[in-house]
Amino acid sequence: MDFTKFDEHLDLMVSEGVPGIDCVVMRDHGIIHRHRAGFADMETKRPITGDEKYLMWSVSKVATCTAAVKLVEDGVISLDDPVSKYIEEYGDLKKVVRGENGTETPAPVENELKIVHLFTMTSGFSYNIDTPAIKEFRQASNGRCPTVGLARAIAKTPLEFEPGTSWMYGLSHDILAAVAEVASGVRFADLVKELIFDPLGMKNSTFRKPDKKGNCQMAVQYSRDWESKRISRTDNSNFFALGPDHDSGGAGLVSTAEDCALLADALACGGVGASGKRILKEETVRLMATNRLTTEQRYCKRFREFHHLKGYGYGLGVRVMLDVNESGGVGAVGEFGWDGAAGSVLLADPEKKISMFYAQHLLNDDNHLEELRDALYSII
């Protein structure tokens, strides 16, 4: 396979402002192509070497849901379990009822919130982390924000809709991480390490605050301002990781391109990693990558606002390609994965056993899924 045009496209992204990129393509456990370009630190001209750590933001959701679906596979939790079975506050949820004059009144929900609703983002929870209950909890915990306690605080905020009736990107996977912690009796960061990172050999991945003395140095995270055309250095912070004890299932992963490529490869290869160790049964991977949204939910305003998801549905924490023609690009039915706010993209194709992981560290950038997917599939 000739990746010349693929690399030209990656280099063009760097020339147009992305500080640095690292892209790993694997097939059946072997790296068939890797391309790096640009800088891990633009000011000091430190080049991308392939050893950099990144804030993975919402790519975290793939690792979280992989670990959680392993608990489903093992019978520790069930998709149909009420969330209140593990965190009692979820047995007394409220929803927002909006009046014609703009009033908002909380009212009891009619549908029971189930674990499947957390996986599929159909819970009704938004991504608002500035609610009075969360602010109060952050203060009461002296800013430490342990994962389960935070989930209890999230439960105090009224839902945007009845559980299971629509789709909304939000804090569902942070709640799922808390459920996994309670059900397993293991701190979530340690649980993912045990179930996913260690078996796959992901030695530089963590849901805890990374050790500055670790094996890999953080790539500097930048932010793009579209009006001024400026790209500014940030302090490498993650505002969704609310404290040192918060293992954010939705956004807390710190990892490298090489490590995340190992996760993508395992998902593309039926749950078996390049290490030879199995993290999921093949049927569990299929369960994870099966669309769970109704047609109405796929075409609701909140889902369609994710413009790069044309042609996709949503499974247990991952986008799932359903209609390549609708996507307007090149791809394959069954391809699945997710992306991160700083630009990372994870893609797994179980039919071809091909995977791709693309890493960058630039907030407020375009989502690169469509162009990278199309460039990859134009080759394979």
Protein backbone atom coordinates (compact mmCIF):
# COMPACT_ATOMS: atom_id res chain seq x y z
CA MET A 1 0.00 0.00 0.00
CA ASP A 2 1.26 3.44 -0.93
CA PHE A 3 0.78 5.98 1.87
CA THR A 4 2.44 8.86 0.03
CA LYS A 5 -0.75 10.88 -0.45
CA PHE A 6 -1.86 10.04 3.09
CA ASP A 7 1.37 11.50 4.47
CA GLU A 8 1.09 14.51 2.20
CA HIS A 9 -2.32 15.19 3.73
CA LEU A 10 -0.94 14.88 7.26
CA ASP A 11 1.92 17.24 6.42
CA LEU A 12 -0.59 19.71 4.97
CA MET A 13 -2.46 19.73 8.29
CA VAL A 14 0.77 20.70 10.04
CA SER A 15 1.49 23.42 7.47
CA GLU A 16 -2.00 24.80 8.12
CA GLY A 17 -1.42 25.20 11.83
CA VAL A 18 -1.60 21.89 13.68
CA PRO A 19 1.56 22.03 15.85
CA GLY A 20 2.41 18.33 15.60
CA ILE A 21 0.86 15.01 14.63
CA ASP A 22 1.50 11.31 15.14
CA CYS A 23 -0.53 8.75 13.18
CA VAL A 24 -0.31 4.96 13.56
CA VAL A 25 -2.04 2.54 11.18
CA MET A 26 -2.15 -1.15 12.14
CA ARG A 27 -3.41 -4.29 10.47
CA ASP A 28 -3.83 -7.54 12.40
CA HIS A 29 -1.45 -6.47 15.20
CA GLY A 30 1.32 -5.10 13.00
CA ILE A 31 2.11 -1.45 12.33
CA ILE A 32 1.80 -1.03 8.55
CA HIS A 33 2.40 2.71 8.58
CA ARG A 34 3.38 5.50 10.94
CA HIS A 35 3.93 9.17 10.22
CA ARG A 36 5.03 11.96 12.53
CA ALA A 37 5.47 15.63 11.76
CA GLY A 38 5.72 18.99 13.48
CA PHE A 39 6.54 19.91 17.05
CA ALA A 40 5.66 18.70 20.52
CA ASP A 41 6.69 22.18 21.67
CA MET A 42 6.52 24.93 19.06
CA GLU A 43 8.39 27.49 21.14
CA THR A 44 11.43 25.32 21.82
CA LYS A 45 11.15 23.51 18.47
CA ARG A 46 11.06 20.13 20.23
CA PRO A 47 10.05 17.74 17.44
CA ILE A 48 7.44 15.01 17.63
CA THR A 49 9.37 11.81 18.32
CA GLY A 50 6.48 9.40 18.92
CA ASP A 51 7.01 9.16 22.68
CA GLU A 52 4.81 12.08 23.66
CA LYS A 53 1.88 11.90 26.04
CA TYR A 54 -1.36 13.70 25.19
CA LEU A 55 -4.55 14.63 26.98
CA MET A 56 -6.90 12.32 25.10
CA TRP A 57 -10.11 14.05 26.14
CA SER A 58 -13.08 12.09 24.73
CA VAL A 59 -10.99 9.27 23.31
CA SER A 60 -11.08 8.37 27.01
CA LYS A 61 -14.65 7.19 26.42
CA VAL A 62 -13.46 4.28 24.27
CA ALA A 63 -11.18 3.00 27.04
CA THR A 64 -13.88 3.57 29.67
CA CYS A 65 -16.57 1.73 27.72
CA THR A 66 -14.17 -1.09 26.83
CA ALA A 67 -13.51 -1.65 30.53
CA ALA A 68 -17.19 -1.30 31.43
CA VAL A 69 -18.36 -3.69 28.71
CA LYS A 70 -15.79 -6.18 30.05
CA LEU A 71 -17.73 -6.04 33.34
CA VAL A 72 -20.89 -6.76 31.34
CA GLU A 73 -19.16 -9.71 29.67
CA ASP A 74 -18.09 -11.05 33.08
CA GLY A 75 -21.58 -10.68 34.56
CA VAL A 76 -20.50 -8.07 37.10
CA ILE A 77 -23.04 -5.59 35.71
CA SER A 78 -25.86 -5.84 33.18
CA LEU A 79 -26.92 -3.34 30.54
CA ASP A 80 -30.46 -3.55 31.94
CA ASP A 81 -29.42 -2.90 35.54
CA PRO A 82 -30.83 0.29 37.03
CA VAL A 83 -28.02 2.70 37.84
CA SER A 84 -29.57 3.09 41.29
CA LYS A 85 -28.54 -0.51 42.04
CA TYR A 86 -24.99 0.84 42.38
CA ILE A 87 -25.51 4.52 43.23
CA GLU A 88 -28.75 5.04 45.14
CA GLU A 89 -29.14 8.72 44.24
CA TYR A 90 -30.08 7.66 40.70
CA GLY A 91 -33.33 6.20 42.00
CA ASP A 92 -34.75 9.66 42.61
CA LEU A 93 -34.00 11.56 39.38
CA LYS A 94 -35.77 14.65 38.12
CA LYS A 95 -36.17 15.96 34.57
CA VAL A 96 -36.64 19.51 33.28
CA VAL A 97 -40.16 20.39 32.17
CA ARG A 98 -40.14 23.54 30.06
CA GLY A 99 -43.23 25.74 29.93
CA GLU A 100 -44.41 27.86 27.02
CA ASN A 101 -43.35 31.04 28.83
CA GLY A 102 -39.77 29.79 29.23
CA THR A 103 -40.13 28.44 32.74
CA GLU A 104 -38.20 25.35 33.80
CA THR A 105 -39.72 23.09 36.43
CA PRO A 106 -38.20 19.85 37.77
CA ALA A 107 -40.47 16.81 37.75
CA PRO A 108 -39.88 13.11 38.58
CA VAL A 109 -38.79 10.94 35.65
CA GLU A 110 -41.07 8.17 34.46
CA ASN A 111 -38.39 5.89 32.97
CA GLU A 112 -35.81 4.14 35.11
CA LEU A 113 -32.23 5.12 34.26
CA LYS A 114 -30.36 1.99 33.16
CA ILE A 115 -26.69 1.30 32.55
CA VAL A 116 -27.34 0.97 28.81
CA HIS A 117 -28.49 4.61 28.81
CA LEU A 118 -25.08 5.64 30.17
CA PHE A 119 -23.21 3.67 27.51
CA THR A 120 -25.33 5.10 24.68
CA MET A 121 -25.55 8.75 25.80
CA THR A 122 -29.33 8.44 26.04
CA SER A 123 -29.40 9.17 29.79
CA GLY A 124 -30.50 12.81 29.52
CA PHE A 125 -27.43 14.17 31.34
CA SER A 126 -25.77 17.17 29.72
CA TYR A 127 -22.09 18.19 29.91
CA ASN A 128 -22.73 20.95 32.44
CA ILE A 129 -20.04 20.74 35.13
CA ASP A 130 -20.96 24.10 36.67
CA THR A 131 -24.16 23.04 38.41
CA PRO A 132 -24.73 24.11 42.05
CA ALA A 133 -24.49 20.48 43.20
CA ILE A 134 -21.13 19.90 41.50
CA LYS A 135 -19.74 23.21 42.76
CA GLU A 136 -20.86 22.31 46.29
CA PHE A 137 -19.25 18.88 46.04
CA ARG A 138 -15.96 20.27 44.75
CA GLN A 139 -15.83 22.59 47.75
CA ALA A 140 -16.88 19.89 50.24
CA SER A 141 -14.21 17.48 48.93
CA ASN A 142 -11.52 20.18 49.10
CA GLY A 143 -11.19 20.02 45.34
CA ARG A 144 -10.34 16.33 45.26
CA CYS A 145 -13.62 15.18 43.67
CA PRO A 146 -13.55 11.38 44.07
CA THR A 147 -15.26 9.68 41.14
CA VAL A 148 -18.20 8.08 42.94
CA GLY A 149 -18.93 11.11 45.08
CA LEU A 150 -18.97 13.27 41.98
CA ALA A 151 -21.46 10.90 40.34
CA ARG A 152 -23.73 11.30 43.39
CA ALA A 153 -23.56 15.07 42.89
CA ILE A 154 -24.32 14.80 39.16
CA ALA A 155 -27.52 12.91 40.03
CA LYS A 156 -28.94 16.06 41.67
CA THR A 157 -29.16 17.89 38.33
CA PRO A 158 -32.44 17.44 36.42
CA LEU A 159 -32.21 15.51 33.14
CA GLU A 160 -32.84 17.14 29.78
CA PHE A 161 -35.25 14.35 28.77
CA GLU A 162 -36.65 10.99 29.86
CA PRO A 163 -33.94 8.31 29.94
CA GLY A 164 -33.77 6.35 26.69
CA THR A 165 -35.89 8.74 24.64
CA SER A 166 -33.25 10.89 22.93
CA TRP A 167 -29.47 11.38 22.60
CA MET A 168 -27.26 13.96 24.23
CA TYR A 169 -23.50 14.17 24.59
CA GLY A 170 -22.76 14.57 28.26
CA LEU A 171 -21.47 13.19 31.54
CA SER A 172 -22.87 9.69 31.02
CA HIS A 173 -19.48 8.01 30.83
CA ASP A 174 -18.23 9.75 33.97
CA ILE A 175 -21.23 8.22 35.74
CA LEU A 176 -20.46 4.87 34.07
CA ALA A 177 -16.92 5.00 35.47
CA ALA A 178 -18.39 5.47 38.95
CA VAL A 179 -20.75 2.51 38.44
CA ALA A 180 -17.80 0.37 37.33
CA GLU A 181 -15.86 1.41 40.43
CA VAL A 182 -18.72 0.54 42.80
CA ALA A 183 -19.57 -2.73 41.06
CA SER A 184 -15.97 -3.96 40.92
CA GLY A 185 -14.79 -2.57 44.25
CA VAL A 186 -11.69 -1.23 42.48
CA ARG A 187 -10.82 2.42 41.89
CA PHE A 188 -11.68 3.14 38.26
CA ALA A 189 -8.15 4.17 37.22
CA ASP A 190 -6.82 0.90 38.62
CA LEU A 191 -9.64 -1.12 37.07
CA VAL A 192 -8.90 0.12 33.53
CA LYS A 193 -5.21 -0.54 34.10
CA GLU A 194 -5.99 -4.09 35.19
CA LEU A 195 -8.53 -4.92 32.49
CA ILE A 196 -7.18 -2.98 29.49
CA PHE A 197 -3.84 -1.23 29.84
CA ASP A 198 -1.76 -4.03 31.38
CA PRO A 199 -2.97 -6.84 29.07
CA LEU A 200 -2.40 -4.70 25.96
CA GLY A 201 0.99 -3.40 27.09
CA MET A 202 -0.24 0.22 27.30
CA LYS A 203 2.56 1.20 29.68
CA ASN A 204 2.18 4.95 29.32
CA SER A 205 -1.58 5.24 29.85
CA THR A 206 -3.38 6.41 32.96
CA PHE A 207 -6.62 7.91 34.24
CA ARG A 208 -4.68 9.46 37.13
CA LYS A 209 -2.76 12.71 36.97
CA PRO A 210 0.41 11.78 35.05
CA ASP A 211 3.71 11.60 36.88
CA LYS A 212 6.09 14.25 35.55
CA LYS A 213 8.89 11.74 36.06
CA GLY A 214 7.23 9.19 33.75
CA ASN A 215 8.74 7.62 30.67
CA CYS A 216 7.17 10.09 28.25
CA GLN A 217 7.11 13.85 28.17
CA MET A 218 3.81 15.65 27.58
CA ALA A 219 3.34 17.32 24.23
CA VAL A 220 2.34 20.93 24.77
CA GLN A 221 -1.38 21.46 24.32
CA TYR A 222 -2.32 24.45 22.19
CA SER A 223 -5.59 26.20 21.37
CA ARG A 224 -6.69 27.76 18.07
CA ASP A 225 -8.45 31.12 17.85
CA TRP A 226 -10.23 31.18 14.51
CA GLU A 227 -10.83 34.96 14.50
CA SER A 228 -7.26 36.03 15.17
CA LYS A 229 -5.77 32.97 13.41
CA ARG A 230 -3.51 32.59 16.44
CA ILE A 231 -2.49 29.32 18.04
CA SER A 232 -1.72 29.79 21.72
CA ARG A 233 0.06 27.65 24.26
CA THR A 234 -2.12 26.34 27.10
CA ASP A 235 -1.16 25.11 30.56
CA ASN A 236 -1.86 21.47 29.60
CA SER A 237 -4.92 21.40 31.81
CA ASN A 238 -8.11 19.39 31.40
CA PHE A 239 -11.16 21.19 32.76
CA PHE A 240 -13.24 17.98 32.77
CA ALA A 241 -10.87 16.31 35.24
CA LEU A 242 -12.28 18.05 38.31
CA GLY A 243 -9.74 16.97 40.92
CA PRO A 244 -6.90 14.57 41.70
CA ASP A 245 -9.32 11.84 42.83
CA HIS A 246 -11.61 12.20 39.81
CA ASP A 247 -10.93 9.45 37.27
CA SER A 248 -12.93 11.07 34.47
CA GLY A 249 -14.36 8.28 32.35
CA GLY A 250 -15.39 10.82 29.76
CA ALA A 251 -12.19 12.82 29.39
CA GLY A 252 -9.48 11.80 31.86
CA LEU A 253 -7.17 9.53 29.84
CA VAL A 254 -3.55 10.56 29.38
CA SER A 255 -1.76 8.38 26.86
CA THR A 256 0.49 8.13 23.83
CA ALA A 257 -0.30 7.54 20.17
CA GLU A 258 1.39 4.15 20.33
CA ASP A 259 -0.60 3.03 23.38
CA CYS A 260 -3.94 4.12 21.95
CA ALA A 261 -3.05 2.42 18.68
CA LEU A 262 -2.77 -0.83 20.66
CA LEU A 263 -6.31 -0.33 21.99
CA ALA A 264 -7.66 0.43 18.50
CA ASP A 265 -5.90 -2.66 17.14
CA ALA A 266 -7.38 -4.92 19.84
CA LEU A 267 -10.89 -3.66 19.04
CA ALA A 268 -10.29 -4.17 15.31
CA CYS A 269 -9.06 -7.71 15.95
CA GLY A 270 -11.99 -9.07 17.92
CA GLY A 271 -10.72 -8.21 21.38
CA VAL A 272 -7.23 -9.70 21.08
CA GLY A 273 -4.25 -7.37 21.42
CA ALA A 274 -0.85 -7.36 19.75
CA SER A 275 0.41 -8.81 23.04
CA GLY A 276 -1.61 -11.95 22.30
CA LYS A 277 -3.83 -11.34 25.31
CA ARG A 278 -7.61 -11.13 24.98
CA ILE A 279 -9.39 -8.20 26.64
CA LEU A 280 -12.88 -8.91 25.24
CA LYS A 281 -14.66 -11.77 23.54
CA GLU A 282 -15.33 -11.22 19.85
CA GLU A 283 -19.08 -11.18 20.45
CA THR A 284 -18.59 -8.49 23.10
CA VAL A 285 -16.77 -6.28 20.60
CA ARG A 286 -19.68 -6.81 18.19
CA LEU A 287 -22.08 -5.85 20.98
CA MET A 288 -20.10 -2.69 21.62
CA ALA A 289 -20.01 -1.77 17.91
CA THR A 290 -23.71 -2.35 17.21
CA ASN A 291 -25.86 0.74 16.68
CA ARG A 292 -28.30 1.31 19.55
CA LEU A 293 -30.01 4.47 18.36
CA THR A 294 -33.40 4.61 16.74
CA THR A 295 -33.77 6.49 13.46
CA GLU A 296 -35.38 9.34 15.37
CA GLN A 297 -32.45 9.52 17.78
CA ARG A 298 -29.88 9.42 14.96
CA TYR A 299 -31.55 12.39 13.32
CA CYS A 300 -32.27 14.41 16.45
CA LYS A 301 -30.77 17.88 16.55
CA ARG A 302 -28.20 17.05 19.22
CA PHE A 303 -26.77 14.11 17.24
CA ARG A 304 -26.79 15.96 13.91
CA GLU A 305 -24.83 18.83 15.45
CA PHE A 306 -21.88 16.44 15.26
CA HIS A 307 -21.52 17.06 11.52
CA HIS A 308 -18.75 14.49 11.09
CA LEU A 309 -21.17 11.76 12.19
CA LYS A 310 -23.14 11.72 8.94
CA GLY A 311 -23.81 8.07 8.16
CA TYR A 312 -23.05 6.94 11.70
CA GLY A 313 -25.10 5.53 14.53
CA TYR A 314 -23.91 5.06 18.11
CA GLY A 315 -23.24 1.87 20.03
CA LEU A 316 -21.89 1.26 23.54
CA GLY A 317 -19.70 4.36 23.72
CA VAL A 318 -18.57 4.46 20.09
CA ARG A 319 -19.76 5.84 16.74
CA VAL A 320 -20.69 3.06 14.30
CA MET A 321 -20.69 3.49 10.50
CA LEU A 322 -24.08 2.46 9.09
CA ASP A 323 -24.26 4.14 5.67
CA VAL A 324 -21.12 5.11 3.76
CA ASN A 325 -23.11 6.88 1.04
CA GLU A 326 -24.80 9.07 3.63
CA SER A 327 -21.40 9.94 5.07
CA GLY A 328 -20.46 11.51 1.75
CA GLY A 329 -17.01 9.97 1.91
CA VAL A 330 -15.08 6.73 1.75
CA GLY A 331 -15.27 4.09 4.44
CA ALA A 332 -16.75 0.77 5.52
CA VAL A 333 -19.91 -0.29 7.28
CA GLY A 334 -19.03 -1.41 10.81
CA GLU A 335 -16.05 0.91 11.29
CA PHE A 336 -16.23 2.38 14.79
CA GLY A 337 -14.41 4.55 17.33
CA TRP A 338 -14.45 8.06 18.78
CA ASP A 339 -12.50 11.31 18.87
CA GLY A 340 -11.12 13.85 21.35
CA ALA A 341 -11.44 17.60 21.86
CA ALA A 342 -7.75 18.21 21.19
CA GLY A 343 -8.05 16.43 17.84
CA SER A 344 -7.21 12.76 18.41
CA VAL A 345 -9.10 10.17 16.34
CA LEU A 346 -9.52 6.43 17.03
CA LEU A 347 -10.82 4.18 14.25
CA ALA A 348 -11.26 0.39 14.24
CA ASP A 349 -12.46 -1.76 11.32
CA PRO A 350 -13.18 -5.32 12.51
CA GLU A 351 -13.87 -6.69 9.03
CA LYS A 352 -10.48 -5.66 7.64
CA LYS A 353 -8.71 -5.86 11.03
CA ILE A 354 -7.36 -2.40 10.31
CA SER A 355 -7.11 0.39 12.86
CA MET A 356 -5.84 3.93 12.96
CA PHE A 357 -4.94 6.22 15.80
CA TYR A 358 -4.18 9.86 15.10
CA ALA A 359 -2.86 12.15 17.84
CA GLN A 360 -2.56 15.91 17.99
CA HIS A 361 -2.77 18.41 20.85
CA LEU A 362 -4.76 21.37 19.53
CA LEU A 363 -8.05 22.51 21.07
CA ASN A 364 -10.72 24.36 19.07
CA ASP A 365 -9.57 22.74 15.84
CA ASP A 366 -11.71 21.12 13.16
CA ASN A 367 -12.67 17.49 13.72
CA HIS A 368 -10.42 15.49 11.40
CA LEU A 369 -12.32 12.19 11.37
CA GLU A 370 -13.83 12.52 7.90
CA GLU A 371 -10.67 13.60 6.10
CA LEU A 372 -8.47 11.02 7.83
CA ARG A 373 -11.00 8.23 7.30
CA ASP A 374 -11.40 9.11 3.64
CA ALA A 375 -7.64 9.34 3.12
CA LEU A 376 -7.10 5.96 4.79
CA TYR A 377 -9.86 4.12 2.94
CA SER A 378 -8.78 5.58 -0.38
CA ILE A 379 -5.61 3.53 0.11
CA ILE A 380 -6.91 0.32 1.65
